[in-house]
């Protein structure tokens, strides 16, 4: 089974630092939270950077 390729501008974009940022739509389509505190997480993951 082949994985579908990510589409720039739909599934992700590049930020000002050159990092790939996944979109909210892609994260919803994926269906589960990866608990990596994604920038556009639709599942409410809390960034571990701010917790002790």
PDB file of N, CA and C in Angstrom:
ATOM      1  N   UNK A   1       0.833  -1.184   0.000  1.00  0.00           N
ATOM      2  CA  UNK A   1       0.000   0.000   0.000  1.00  0.00           C
ATOM      3  C   UNK A   1       0.878   1.248   0.000  1.00  0.00           C
ATOM      4  N   UNK A   2       0.677   2.129  -0.976  1.00  0.00           N
ATOM      5  CA  UNK A   2       1.467   3.342  -1.062  1.00  0.00           C
ATOM      6  C   UNK A   2       0.851   4.452  -0.227  1.00  0.00           C
ATOM      7  N   UNK A   3       1.723   5.265   0.402  1.00  0.00           N
ATOM      8  CA  UNK A   3       1.252   6.409   1.154  1.00  0.00           C
ATOM      9  C   UNK A   3       1.042   7.574   0.201  1.00  0.00           C
ATOM     10  N   UNK A   4       0.019   8.358   0.454  1.00  0.00           N
ATOM     11  CA  UNK A   4      -0.258   9.532  -0.350  1.00  0.00           C
ATOM     12  C   UNK A   4       0.783  10.612  -0.042  1.00  0.00           C
ATOM     13  N   UNK A   5       1.260  11.290  -1.072  1.00  0.00           N
ATOM     14  CA  UNK A   5       2.250  12.352  -0.899  1.00  0.00           C
ATOM     15  C   UNK A   5       1.590  13.591  -0.296  1.00  0.00           C
ATOM     16  N   UNK A   6       2.328  14.280   0.572  1.00  0.00           N
ATOM     17  CA  UNK A   6       1.839  15.529   1.139  1.00  0.00           C
ATOM     18  C   UNK A   6       1.825  16.605   0.070  1.00  0.00           C
ATOM     19  N   UNK A   7       0.821  17.486   0.127  1.00  0.00           N
ATOM     20  CA  UNK A   7       0.696  18.552  -0.854  1.00  0.00           C
ATOM     21  C   UNK A   7       0.996  19.882  -0.187  1.00  0.00           C
ATOM     22  N   UNK A   8       2.024  20.572  -0.707  1.00  0.00           N
ATOM     23  CA  UNK A   8       2.397  21.873  -0.173  1.00  0.00           C
ATOM     24  C   UNK A   8       1.237  22.850  -0.341  1.00  0.00           C
ATOM     25  N   UNK A   9       0.973  23.635   0.697  1.00  0.00           N
ATOM     26  CA  UNK A   9      -0.119  24.591   0.673  1.00  0.00           C
ATOM     27  C   UNK A   9      -1.448  24.004   1.102  1.00  0.00           C
ATOM     28  N   UNK A  10      -1.533  22.685   1.128  1.00  0.00           N
ATOM     29  CA  UNK A  10      -2.752  21.998   1.562  1.00  0.00           C
ATOM     30  C   UNK A  10      -2.470  21.252   2.862  1.00  0.00           C
ATOM     31  N   UNK A  11      -1.462  20.397   2.843  1.00  0.00           N
ATOM     32  CA  UNK A  11      -1.104  19.581   4.004  1.00  0.00           C
ATOM     33  C   UNK A  11      -0.014  20.219   4.871  1.00  0.00           C
ATOM     34  N   UNK A  12       0.776  21.089   4.286  1.00  0.00           N
ATOM     35  CA  UNK A  12       1.874  21.735   5.013  1.00  0.00           C
ATOM     36  C   UNK A  12       2.288  23.011   4.309  1.00  0.00           C
ATOM     37  N   UNK A  13       3.100  23.801   5.031  1.00  0.00           N
ATOM     38  CA  UNK A  13       3.747  24.972   4.444  1.00  0.00           C
ATOM     39  C   UNK A  13       5.097  25.129   5.118  1.00  0.00           C
ATOM     40  N   UNK A  14       5.955  25.963   4.548  1.00  0.00           N
ATOM     41  CA  UNK A  14       7.280  26.233   5.102  1.00  0.00           C
ATOM     42  C   UNK A  14       7.217  27.552   5.855  1.00  0.00           C
ATOM     43  N   UNK A  15       7.707  27.580   7.107  1.00  0.00           N
ATOM     44  CA  UNK A  15       7.695  28.825   7.864  1.00  0.00           C
ATOM     45  C   UNK A  15       8.942  29.649   7.563  1.00  0.00           C
ATOM     46  N   UNK A  16       9.060  30.793   8.229  1.00  0.00           N
ATOM     47  CA  UNK A  16      10.164  31.722   7.979  1.00  0.00           C
ATOM     48  C   UNK A  16      11.538  31.158   8.341  1.00  0.00           C
ATOM     49  N   UNK A  17      11.574  30.101   9.136  1.00  0.00           N
ATOM     50  CA  UNK A  17      12.834  29.457   9.500  1.00  0.00           C
ATOM     51  C   UNK A  17      13.157  28.273   8.594  1.00  0.00           C
ATOM     52  N   UNK A  18      12.267  27.992   7.640  1.00  0.00           N
ATOM     53  CA  UNK A  18      12.471  26.875   6.740  1.00  0.00           C
ATOM     54  C   UNK A  18      11.971  25.549   7.278  1.00  0.00           C
ATOM     55  N   UNK A  19      11.176  25.606   8.346  1.00  0.00           N
ATOM     56  CA  UNK A  19      10.629  24.384   8.931  1.00  0.00           C
ATOM     57  C   UNK A  19       9.294  24.046   8.284  1.00  0.00           C
ATOM     58  N   UNK A  20       9.050  22.767   8.080  1.00  0.00           N
ATOM     59  CA  UNK A  20       7.777  22.314   7.530  1.00  0.00           C
ATOM     60  C   UNK A  20       6.738  22.283   8.649  1.00  0.00           C
ATOM     61  N   UNK A  21       5.608  22.951   8.424  1.00  0.00           N
ATOM     62  CA  UNK A  21       4.539  23.043   9.417  1.00  0.00           C
ATOM     63  C   UNK A  21       3.302  22.353   8.854  1.00  0.00           C
ATOM     64  N   UNK A  22       2.794  21.363   9.571  1.00  0.00           N
ATOM     65  CA  UNK A  22       1.592  20.649   9.140  1.00  0.00           C
ATOM     66  C   UNK A  22       0.369  21.510   9.394  1.00  0.00           C
ATOM     67  N   UNK A  23      -0.589  21.486   8.469  1.00  0.00           N
ATOM     68  CA  UNK A  23      -1.800  22.282   8.606  1.00  0.00           C
ATOM     69  C   UNK A  23      -2.825  21.576   9.492  1.00  0.00           C
ATOM     70  N   UNK A  24      -3.776  22.346   9.990  1.00  0.00           N
ATOM     71  CA  UNK A  24      -4.858  21.802  10.802  1.00  0.00           C
ATOM     72  C   UNK A  24      -5.643  20.767   9.998  1.00  0.00           C
ATOM     73  N   UNK A  25      -5.891  21.066   8.721  1.00  0.00           N
ATOM     74  CA  UNK A  25      -6.638  20.127   7.871  1.00  0.00           C
ATOM     75  C   UNK A  25      -5.919  18.791   7.752  1.00  0.00           C
ATOM     76  N   UNK A  26      -4.600  18.818   7.568  1.00  0.00           N
ATOM     77  CA  UNK A  26      -3.852  17.565   7.473  1.00  0.00           C
ATOM     78  C   UNK A  26      -3.922  16.794   8.791  1.00  0.00           C
ATOM     79  N   UNK A  27      -3.744  17.506   9.902  1.00  0.00           N
ATOM     80  CA  UNK A  27      -3.757  16.840  11.204  1.00  0.00           C
ATOM     81  C   UNK A  27      -5.122  16.213  11.487  1.00  0.00           C
ATOM     82  N   UNK A  28      -6.198  16.890  11.089  1.00  0.00           N
ATOM     83  CA  UNK A  28      -7.533  16.304  11.240  1.00  0.00           C
ATOM     84  C   UNK A  28      -7.692  15.073  10.369  1.00  0.00           C
ATOM     85  N   UNK A  29      -7.182  15.161   9.129  1.00  0.00           N
ATOM     86  CA  UNK A  29      -7.276  14.033   8.194  1.00  0.00           C
ATOM     87  C   UNK A  29      -6.501  12.824   8.724  1.00  0.00           C
ATOM     88  N   UNK A  30      -5.388  13.083   9.425  1.00  0.00           N
ATOM     89  CA  UNK A  30      -4.592  11.994   9.991  1.00  0.00           C
ATOM     90  C   UNK A  30      -5.380  11.241  11.060  1.00  0.00           C
ATOM     91  N   UNK A  31      -6.201  11.963  11.817  1.00  0.00           N
ATOM     92  CA  UNK A  31      -7.154  11.309  12.701  1.00  0.00           C
ATOM     93  C   UNK A  31      -6.767  11.128  14.156  1.00  0.00           C
ATOM     94  N   UNK A  32      -5.513  11.304  14.511  1.00  0.00           N
ATOM     95  CA  UNK A  32      -5.105  11.163  15.906  1.00  0.00           C
ATOM     96  C   UNK A  32      -4.032  12.188  16.244  1.00  0.00           C
ATOM     97  N   UNK A  33      -3.908  12.466  17.525  1.00  0.00           N
ATOM     98  CA  UNK A  33      -2.884  13.392  18.005  1.00  0.00           C
ATOM     99  C   UNK A  33      -1.565  12.649  18.205  1.00  0.00           C
ATOM    100  N   UNK A  34      -0.478  13.266  17.765  1.00  0.00           N
ATOM    101  CA  UNK A  34       0.844  12.647  17.935  1.00  0.00           C
ATOM    102  C   UNK A  34       1.523  13.119  19.223  1.00  0.00           C
ATOM    103  N   UNK A  35       0.873  14.061  19.931  1.00  0.00           N
ATOM    104  CA  UNK A  35       1.372  14.610  21.197  1.00  0.00           C
ATOM    105  C   UNK A  35       2.726  15.282  21.064  1.00  0.00           C
ATOM    106  N   UNK A  36       2.995  15.874  19.883  1.00  0.00           N
ATOM    107  CA  UNK A  36       4.233  16.621  19.664  1.00  0.00           C
ATOM    108  C   UNK A  36       3.999  18.125  19.703  1.00  0.00           C
ATOM    109  N   UNK A  37       2.834  18.542  20.178  1.00  0.00           N
ATOM    110  CA  UNK A  37       2.484  19.959  20.284  1.00  0.00           C
ATOM    111  C   UNK A  37       2.623  20.679  18.949  1.00  0.00           C
ATOM    112  N   UNK A  38       2.032  20.100  17.918  1.00  0.00           N
ATOM    113  CA  UNK A  38       2.067  20.714  16.587  1.00  0.00           C
ATOM    114  C   UNK A  38       1.463  22.115  16.650  1.00  0.00           C
ATOM    115  N   UNK A  39       1.996  23.017  15.855  1.00  0.00           N
ATOM    116  CA  UNK A  39       1.574  24.414  15.845  1.00  0.00           C
ATOM    117  C   UNK A  39       0.068  24.568  15.616  1.00  0.00           C
ATOM    118  N   UNK A  40      -0.525  23.764  14.765  1.00  0.00           N
ATOM    119  CA  UNK A  40      -1.945  23.880  14.435  1.00  0.00           C
ATOM    120  C   UNK A  40      -2.758  22.683  14.924  1.00  0.00           C
ATOM    121  N   UNK A  41      -2.364  22.106  16.050  1.00  0.00           N
ATOM    122  CA  UNK A  41      -3.029  20.907  16.567  1.00  0.00           C
ATOM    123  C   UNK A  41      -4.510  21.148  16.839  1.00  0.00           C
ATOM    124  N   UNK A  42      -5.388  20.392  16.178  1.00  0.00           N
ATOM    125  CA  UNK A  42      -6.819  20.527  16.412  1.00  0.00           C
ATOM    126  C   UNK A  42      -7.300  19.691  17.601  1.00  0.00           C
ATOM    127  N   UNK A  43      -6.397  18.944  18.222  1.00  0.00           N
ATOM    128  CA  UNK A  43      -6.769  18.032  19.299  1.00  0.00           C
ATOM    129  C   UNK A  43      -6.486  18.600  20.689  1.00  0.00           C
ATOM    130  N   UNK A  44      -5.933  19.819  20.757  1.00  0.00           N
ATOM    131  CA  UNK A  44      -5.712  20.462  22.036  1.00  0.00           C
ATOM    132  C   UNK A  44      -4.467  20.035  22.773  1.00  0.00           C
ATOM    133  N   UNK A  45      -3.469  19.536  22.069  1.00  0.00           N
ATOM    134  CA  UNK A  45      -2.216  19.152  22.726  1.00  0.00           C
ATOM    135  C   UNK A  45      -1.563  20.379  23.335  1.00  0.00           C
ATOM    136  N   UNK A  46      -1.072  20.247  24.538  1.00  0.00           N
ATOM    137  CA  UNK A  46      -0.433  21.361  25.259  1.00  0.00           C
ATOM    138  C   UNK A  46       1.064  21.233  25.099  1.00  0.00           C
ATOM    139  N   UNK A  47       1.704  22.326  24.764  1.00  0.00           N
ATOM    140  CA  UNK A  47       3.151  22.339  24.565  1.00  0.00           C
ATOM    141  C   UNK A  47       3.870  21.972  25.851  1.00  0.00           C
ATOM    142  N   UNK A  48       4.797  21.020  25.766  1.00  0.00           N
ATOM    143  CA  UNK A  48       5.587  20.606  26.932  1.00  0.00           C
ATOM    144  C   UNK A  48       6.643  21.636  27.263  1.00  0.00           C
ATOM    145  N   UNK A  49       6.873  22.626  26.388  1.00  0.00           N
ATOM    146  CA  UNK A  49       7.858  23.677  26.641  1.00  0.00           C
ATOM    147  C   UNK A  49       7.449  24.527  27.841  1.00  0.00           C
ATOM    148  N   UNK A  50       6.135  24.638  28.078  1.00  0.00           N
ATOM    149  CA  UNK A  50       5.638  25.477  29.160  1.00  0.00           C
ATOM    150  C   UNK A  50       5.319  24.707  30.423  1.00  0.00           C
ATOM    151  N   UNK A  51       5.450  23.395  30.414  1.00  0.00           N
ATOM    152  CA  UNK A  51       5.141  22.616  31.606  1.00  0.00           C
ATOM    153  C   UNK A  51       6.405  22.116  32.267  1.00  0.00           C
ATOM    154  N   UNK A  52       6.309  21.874  33.584  1.00  0.00           N
ATOM    155  CA  UNK A  52       7.497  21.436  34.340  1.00  0.00           C
ATOM    156  C   UNK A  52       7.614  19.941  34.349  1.00  0.00           C
TER     157      UNK A  52
END
